[in-house]
N, C-alpha and C. Protein backbone atom coordinates (compact mmCIF):
# COMPACT_ATOMS: atom_id res chain seq x y z
N MET A 1 -3.55 10.22 82.23
CA MET A 1 -4.47 9.06 81.55
C MET A 1 -5.63 8.73 82.13
N ASN A 2 -6.73 9.03 81.56
CA ASN A 2 -8.39 8.64 82.08
C ASN A 2 -9.03 7.09 81.76
N LEU A 3 -8.76 6.86 82.97
CA LEU A 3 -9.43 5.02 82.59
C LEU A 3 -10.94 5.23 83.45
N ASN A 4 -11.61 4.94 82.38
CA ASN A 4 -13.50 5.08 82.77
C ASN A 4 -13.81 3.52 83.11
N PHE A 5 -13.43 2.90 83.93
CA PHE A 5 -13.58 1.55 84.23
C PHE A 5 -14.39 0.86 85.39
N LYS A 6 -15.31 0.58 85.12
CA LYS A 6 -16.41 -0.02 86.77
C LYS A 6 -15.89 -1.19 86.77
N ILE A 7 -15.74 -1.40 88.12
CA ILE A 7 -15.14 -2.44 88.93
C ILE A 7 -16.74 -3.18 89.21
N LYS A 8 -16.77 -4.69 88.69
CA LYS A 8 -18.34 -5.02 89.14
C LYS A 8 -18.24 -6.27 90.25
N GLU A 9 -18.96 -6.38 90.80
CA GLU A 9 -19.29 -7.39 91.99
C GLU A 9 -19.89 -9.09 91.61
N ALA A 10 -20.45 -8.50 90.47
CA ALA A 10 -21.45 -9.91 89.89
C ALA A 10 -20.22 -10.92 89.13
N PRO A 11 -20.70 -12.04 88.71
CA PRO A 11 -19.91 -13.08 88.04
C PRO A 11 -19.14 -12.76 86.87
N ALA A 12 -18.30 -12.97 86.67
CA ALA A 12 -17.89 -12.40 85.33
C ALA A 12 -18.75 -13.23 84.39
N PRO A 13 -19.08 -13.00 82.86
CA PRO A 13 -19.44 -13.87 81.82
C PRO A 13 -18.60 -14.62 81.50
N ARG A 14 -19.00 -16.27 80.99
CA ARG A 14 -18.22 -17.24 80.75
C ARG A 14 -17.22 -17.25 79.40
N SER A 15 -16.49 -17.28 78.99
CA SER A 15 -15.74 -17.66 78.00
C SER A 15 -16.25 -18.44 77.01
N ILE A 16 -16.07 -17.81 75.56
CA ILE A 16 -16.74 -18.35 74.54
C ILE A 16 -15.62 -19.61 73.82
N TYR A 17 -14.45 -19.70 75.01
CA TYR A 17 -13.37 -20.39 74.32
C TYR A 17 -13.10 -21.75 75.47
N VAL A 18 -13.80 -21.84 76.12
CA VAL A 18 -14.08 -22.66 77.37
C VAL A 18 -14.71 -24.09 76.58
N HIS A 19 -14.36 -25.30 77.22
CA HIS A 19 -15.40 -26.63 76.63
C HIS A 19 -15.77 -26.94 77.91
N ASP A 20 -17.22 -26.72 77.86
CA ASP A 20 -17.67 -27.39 78.99
C ASP A 20 -18.53 -28.77 79.10
N HIS A 21 -17.84 -29.62 77.93
CA HIS A 21 -18.09 -30.89 77.71
C HIS A 21 -17.63 -31.89 78.96
N GLU A 22 -18.01 -32.86 78.98
CA GLU A 22 -17.76 -33.81 80.25
C GLU A 22 -16.48 -34.90 79.12
N ASN A 23 -15.39 -35.44 79.93
CA ASN A 23 -14.54 -36.57 78.98
C ASN A 23 -15.23 -37.46 79.13
N THR A 24 -15.54 -37.94 77.74
CA THR A 24 -16.52 -39.10 77.67
C THR A 24 -15.61 -40.31 78.23
N TRP A 25 -14.20 -40.18 77.71
CA TRP A 25 -13.56 -41.41 78.14
C TRP A 25 -13.48 -41.95 79.68
N ARG A 26 -13.30 -40.62 80.47
CA ARG A 26 -12.93 -40.98 81.51
C ARG A 26 -14.25 -41.49 82.18
N ASN A 27 -15.67 -40.78 81.93
CA ASN A 27 -16.42 -41.24 82.55
C ASN A 27 -17.13 -42.58 81.99
N PHE A 28 -16.84 -43.15 80.97
CA PHE A 28 -16.93 -44.50 80.52
C PHE A 28 -16.26 -45.58 81.19
N MET A 29 -14.84 -45.02 81.29
CA MET A 29 -14.19 -45.87 81.65
C MET A 29 -14.29 -46.41 83.29
N LEU A 30 -14.46 -45.09 83.82
CA LEU A 30 -14.98 -45.23 85.36
C LEU A 30 -15.75 -45.55 86.11
N ASN A 31 -16.73 -46.10 84.86
CA ASN A 31 -17.96 -46.73 85.54
C ASN A 31 -18.36 -47.84 85.17
N MET A 32 -17.18 -48.34 84.48
CA MET A 32 -16.83 -49.83 83.91
C MET A 32 -17.15 -50.49 85.39
N LYS A 33 -17.56 -51.60 85.71
CA LYS A 33 -17.19 -52.46 86.83
C LYS A 33 -16.19 -53.73 86.47
N THR A 34 -15.82 -54.22 87.51
CA THR A 34 -15.05 -55.38 87.40
C THR A 34 -15.53 -56.57 86.53
N GLY A 35 -14.47 -56.88 85.44
CA GLY A 35 -15.12 -58.21 84.41
C GLY A 35 -15.82 -57.56 83.54
N GLN A 36 -16.20 -56.53 83.29
CA GLN A 36 -16.85 -55.91 82.17
C GLN A 36 -15.80 -55.43 80.90
N TRP A 37 -16.47 -56.08 79.75
CA TRP A 37 -15.70 -55.61 78.82
C TRP A 37 -16.24 -55.21 77.65
N PHE A 38 -15.48 -54.83 75.99
CA PHE A 38 -16.14 -54.36 75.12
C PHE A 38 -15.54 -54.75 73.91
N GLU A 39 -15.95 -54.89 72.63
CA GLU A 39 -14.71 -55.11 71.40
C GLU A 39 -14.77 -53.88 70.72
N LEU A 40 -13.71 -53.63 70.42
CA LEU A 40 -13.15 -52.28 69.57
C LEU A 40 -12.45 -52.51 68.23
N PRO A 41 -13.01 -51.88 67.30
CA PRO A 41 -12.07 -52.04 66.02
C PRO A 41 -10.63 -51.83 66.31
N GLU A 42 -9.80 -52.20 65.35
CA GLU A 42 -8.31 -52.39 65.52
C GLU A 42 -8.05 -50.48 65.33
N LYS A 43 -8.96 -49.72 64.47
CA LYS A 43 -8.54 -48.04 64.41
C LYS A 43 -8.97 -47.65 65.63
N TYR A 44 -9.17 -47.75 66.58
CA TYR A 44 -9.52 -47.10 67.80
C TYR A 44 -8.72 -47.93 68.88
N LYS A 45 -8.01 -48.71 68.37
CA LYS A 45 -7.15 -49.25 69.88
C LYS A 45 -6.07 -48.07 70.50
N ASN A 46 -5.36 -47.35 69.53
CA ASN A 46 -5.01 -46.61 70.34
C ASN A 46 -5.17 -45.37 71.09
N ARG A 47 -6.44 -45.00 70.45
CA ARG A 47 -6.82 -43.73 71.45
C ARG A 47 -7.77 -44.50 72.88
N VAL A 48 -8.21 -45.82 72.74
CA VAL A 48 -8.78 -46.08 73.98
C VAL A 48 -7.57 -46.64 74.91
N GLN A 49 -6.92 -46.88 74.35
CA GLN A 49 -5.44 -47.30 74.83
C GLN A 49 -4.65 -46.43 75.74
N ALA A 50 -4.69 -45.33 75.25
CA ALA A 50 -4.24 -43.89 75.45
C ALA A 50 -5.03 -43.25 76.61
N ALA A 51 -6.54 -43.51 76.73
CA ALA A 51 -7.70 -42.77 77.74
C ALA A 51 -7.24 -44.09 78.69
N ALA A 52 -7.31 -45.45 78.71
CA ALA A 52 -7.30 -46.35 80.01
C ALA A 52 -5.97 -46.01 80.66
N ALA A 53 -4.68 -45.86 79.57
CA ALA A 53 -3.45 -45.40 80.68
C ALA A 53 -3.57 -44.39 81.45
N ALA A 54 -4.36 -43.30 81.13
CA ALA A 54 -4.35 -42.18 81.73
C ALA A 54 -5.63 -42.40 82.60
N TYR A 55 -6.67 -43.09 82.89
CA TYR A 55 -7.98 -42.84 83.57
C TYR A 55 -7.81 -44.48 84.66
N LEU A 56 -7.32 -45.30 83.99
CA LEU A 56 -7.59 -46.66 84.92
C LEU A 56 -6.09 -47.05 85.23
N LYS A 57 -5.14 -46.49 84.71
CA LYS A 57 -3.65 -46.84 85.54
C LYS A 57 -3.28 -47.98 85.75
N GLY A 58 -3.31 -48.78 84.82
CA GLY A 58 -3.10 -50.43 84.43
C GLY A 58 -3.86 -51.25 84.99
N LYS A 59 -5.24 -50.62 85.45
CA LYS A 59 -6.39 -51.60 85.96
C LYS A 59 -7.25 -52.06 84.56
N TYR A 60 -6.84 -52.40 83.63
CA TYR A 60 -7.28 -52.71 82.48
C TYR A 60 -6.49 -54.21 81.52
N SER A 61 -7.09 -54.59 80.95
CA SER A 61 -6.38 -55.57 79.59
C SER A 61 -6.73 -55.07 78.35
N LEU A 62 -5.97 -55.16 77.45
CA LEU A 62 -6.23 -54.75 75.77
C LEU A 62 -5.80 -55.86 74.93
N TYR A 63 -6.55 -56.79 74.56
CA TYR A 63 -5.86 -57.56 73.75
C TYR A 63 -6.34 -58.02 72.36
N LYS A 64 -5.83 -58.89 71.38
CA LYS A 64 -6.70 -59.07 70.10
C LYS A 64 -7.42 -60.17 70.52
N HIS A 65 -8.64 -60.08 69.65
CA HIS A 65 -9.57 -60.99 70.03
C HIS A 65 -9.16 -62.29 69.35
N PRO A 66 -9.38 -63.49 70.23
CA PRO A 66 -8.81 -64.53 69.73
C PRO A 66 -9.44 -65.04 68.07
N GLN A 67 -11.01 -64.76 67.78
CA GLN A 67 -11.37 -65.35 66.59
C GLN A 67 -11.66 -64.22 65.67
N LYS A 68 -11.91 -63.25 65.92
CA LYS A 68 -12.24 -62.17 65.03
C LYS A 68 -10.81 -61.42 64.71
N ARG A 69 -10.89 -61.02 63.06
CA ARG A 69 -9.64 -60.40 62.77
C ARG A 69 -9.93 -58.58 62.79
N GLU A 70 -8.88 -58.07 63.13
CA GLU A 70 -8.99 -56.82 63.33
C GLU A 70 -9.71 -56.15 64.16
N VAL A 71 -9.83 -56.48 65.58
CA VAL A 71 -10.62 -56.87 66.71
C VAL A 71 -10.34 -56.82 67.92
N TYR A 72 -10.22 -55.80 68.98
CA TYR A 72 -9.53 -55.93 70.31
C TYR A 72 -10.62 -56.21 71.51
N VAL A 73 -10.05 -56.75 72.64
CA VAL A 73 -11.05 -56.80 73.32
C VAL A 73 -10.20 -55.85 74.57
N PHE A 74 -11.28 -54.95 75.11
CA PHE A 74 -10.89 -54.21 76.45
C PHE A 74 -11.60 -54.73 77.54
N LEU A 75 -10.58 -55.11 78.81
CA LEU A 75 -11.28 -55.81 79.87
C LEU A 75 -11.04 -54.83 80.97
N ARG A 76 -11.98 -54.76 82.01
CA ARG A 76 -11.56 -54.17 83.25
C ARG A 76 -11.37 -54.78 83.91
N LEU A 77 -10.11 -54.53 84.76
CA LEU A 77 -9.77 -55.48 85.65
C LEU A 77 -10.00 -55.05 87.24
N ASN A 78 -9.89 -55.56 88.17
CA ASN A 78 -10.26 -55.18 89.35
C ASN A 78 -9.84 -53.58 89.76
N LYS A 79 -10.33 -52.94 90.75
CA LYS A 79 -10.38 -51.69 91.00
C LYS A 79 -9.38 -51.93 92.18
C-alpha cells in the first residue's frame, strides 16, 4: 500500500461545522449586576429559566409580574 500523504506543521484549517458564536444567554446573565431585572413574555419563561439555572446556579429569581398578564420578572440576586 502506497500512502502519499504529506504531514504539515502549520495550523489545521477550521471546521465548517464548529459554531464560533458566543453564548448569548451566558454573557447576558453573567454581566447583570445584583438587583438588575427585566420583564419577559411568558413564551420565553422556560428558555430563560433553563439558561439561568445553568449559568447563575440559583442566584436569580423568576416570578410572575403582579400587574401584567403573561409577563414574568427576572431578578438577579447577589453574587
